[in-house]
Amino acid sequence: MTIPGEKAQALLEEIADWGNTTTIILHGGSVFEFKGDFPKGSVAMGFYNLKGENGFEGHLNLEKVDHIAFQDKQHRGKQSYALVFNDQNGECIFKIFVGRDENGDLLEAQVNRFKALQKEHS
């Protein structure tokens, strides 16, 4: 199931209140991973500008987000949930995974929020 890219900003604004998540950025055959709160952002100069207090910052060109997929699958033997932000060619720009606690268990409050979003957009 996917939702249109026009919903990206509202979705990112909500995720910024979830707490500890894992963001995966795929680029040039490399995988970059950030664990921590997804930063709040604001729109300026054509970008959604992330200003994190924990070192994670950036500038997202939201016009490049064509659609967002809900990923619900096993990864390395554990259930995982992610929002996958894709371009018009279906290529992943970045993913935001539901966070885990110190034992590697999914954060239940985030799972509930993820499933609520999924249900809302189904």
Protein backbone atom coordinates (compact mmCIF):
# COMPACT_ATOMS: atom_id res chain seq x y z
CA MET A 1 0.00 0.00 0.00
CA THR A 2 1.25 3.48 -0.85
CA ILE A 3 0.21 7.06 -0.28
CA PRO A 4 0.98 10.02 -2.56
CA GLY A 5 4.18 12.00 -2.11
CA GLU A 6 2.17 15.14 -1.40
CA LYS A 7 1.60 13.70 2.08
CA ALA A 8 5.35 13.54 2.84
CA GLN A 9 5.65 16.78 4.80
CA ALA A 10 2.68 16.05 7.07
CA LEU A 11 3.99 12.53 7.65
CA LEU A 12 7.50 13.77 8.49
CA GLU A 13 6.06 16.33 10.89
CA GLU A 14 4.21 13.55 12.70
CA ILE A 15 7.21 11.21 12.78
CA ALA A 16 9.31 13.96 14.37
CA ASP A 17 7.19 13.40 17.51
CA TRP A 18 7.64 9.61 17.63
CA GLY A 19 10.96 9.56 19.43
CA ASN A 20 13.81 7.18 18.60
CA THR A 21 13.57 5.81 15.05
CA THR A 22 16.07 4.48 12.52
CA THR A 23 16.49 6.36 9.25
CA ILE A 24 18.18 4.59 6.34
CA ILE A 25 19.48 6.59 3.38
CA LEU A 26 20.45 4.71 0.23
CA HIS A 27 22.82 6.42 -2.16
CA GLY A 28 25.29 5.24 -4.77
CA GLY A 29 25.25 1.66 -3.55
CA SER A 30 25.92 2.73 0.05
CA VAL A 31 23.64 2.57 3.06
CA PHE A 32 23.72 5.28 5.72
CA GLU A 33 21.93 4.71 9.01
CA PHE A 34 20.90 7.16 11.69
CA LYS A 35 19.36 6.12 15.01
CA GLY A 36 17.64 8.82 17.03
CA ASP A 37 14.72 11.22 16.90
CA PHE A 38 13.81 12.21 13.34
CA PRO A 39 14.39 15.98 13.29
CA LYS A 40 11.68 18.59 12.95
CA GLY A 41 11.78 20.58 9.75
CA SER A 42 10.57 23.71 8.05
CA VAL A 43 10.10 24.72 4.44
CA ALA A 44 12.46 27.30 2.94
CA MET A 45 14.07 27.83 -0.44
CA GLY A 46 12.22 24.87 -1.96
CA PHE A 47 13.37 22.29 0.59
CA TYR A 48 12.08 20.71 3.78
CA ASN A 49 15.01 21.61 6.02
CA LEU A 50 15.75 19.26 8.90
CA LYS A 51 17.35 20.86 11.91
CA GLY A 52 18.22 18.13 14.39
CA GLU A 53 19.50 18.62 17.88
CA ASN A 54 21.36 15.33 17.65
CA GLY A 55 23.52 15.87 14.56
CA PHE A 56 21.08 14.63 11.93
CA GLU A 57 20.33 17.49 9.55
CA GLY A 58 19.57 17.81 5.88
CA HIS A 59 17.52 19.32 3.11
CA LEU A 60 14.78 17.20 1.52
CA ASN A 61 13.43 18.01 -1.90
CA LEU A 62 9.88 16.89 -1.22
CA GLU A 63 8.96 17.32 -4.89
CA LYS A 64 11.11 14.24 -5.58
CA VAL A 65 8.96 12.07 -3.29
CA ASP A 66 6.43 10.44 -5.60
CA HIS A 67 4.91 8.00 -3.13
CA ILE A 68 5.39 6.56 0.35
CA ALA A 69 5.05 2.83 0.99
CA PHE A 70 4.21 1.08 4.24
CA GLN A 71 6.76 -1.71 4.74
CA ASP A 72 5.70 -4.47 7.13
CA LYS A 73 8.03 -7.47 7.00
CA GLN A 74 10.55 -9.68 8.73
CA HIS A 75 14.15 -8.45 8.73
CA ARG A 76 16.89 -10.68 10.12
CA GLY A 77 14.32 -12.78 11.92
CA LYS A 78 12.49 -9.87 13.55
CA GLN A 79 9.35 -8.01 12.56
CA SER A 80 10.04 -4.52 11.22
CA TYR A 81 7.92 -1.59 10.10
CA ALA A 82 9.06 1.30 7.94
CA LEU A 83 7.81 4.17 5.84
CA VAL A 84 9.62 4.09 2.51
CA PHE A 85 9.89 7.36 0.59
CA ASN A 86 10.21 6.61 -3.15
CA ASP A 87 10.86 8.66 -6.27
CA GLN A 88 8.83 8.51 -9.50
CA ASN A 89 10.88 5.52 -10.71
CA GLY A 90 10.04 3.54 -7.57
CA GLU A 91 13.57 3.94 -6.22
CA CYS A 92 13.93 4.35 -2.47
CA ILE A 93 15.15 7.78 -1.38
CA PHE A 94 15.10 6.96 2.33
CA LYS A 95 13.28 4.84 4.91
CA ILE A 96 12.20 5.56 8.45
CA PHE A 97 11.89 2.47 10.64
CA VAL A 98 9.91 2.13 13.83
CA GLY A 99 12.41 2.31 16.68
CA ARG A 100 13.59 -0.43 19.02
CA ASP A 101 14.43 -0.45 22.70
CA GLU A 102 17.75 -1.49 24.24
CA ASN A 103 16.70 -5.17 23.97
CA GLY A 104 15.97 -4.85 20.24
CA ASP A 105 12.21 -4.98 20.73
CA LEU A 106 9.97 -2.70 18.69
CA LEU A 107 8.65 0.36 20.50
CA GLU A 108 4.99 -0.52 20.95
CA ALA A 109 3.72 3.08 20.92
CA GLN A 110 5.39 3.62 17.53
CA VAL A 111 4.04 0.33 16.16
CA ASN A 112 0.55 1.51 17.15
CA ARG A 113 1.08 4.88 15.44
CA PHE A 114 2.44 3.16 12.31
CA LYS A 115 -0.55 0.82 12.14
CA ALA A 116 -2.96 3.71 12.73
CA LEU A 117 -1.42 5.60 9.79
CA GLN A 118 -1.58 2.47 7.67
CA LYS A 119 -5.26 1.98 8.51
CA GLU A 120 -6.02 5.67 7.92
CA HIS A 121 -4.59 5.47 4.40
CA SER A 122 -5.96 2.05 3.41
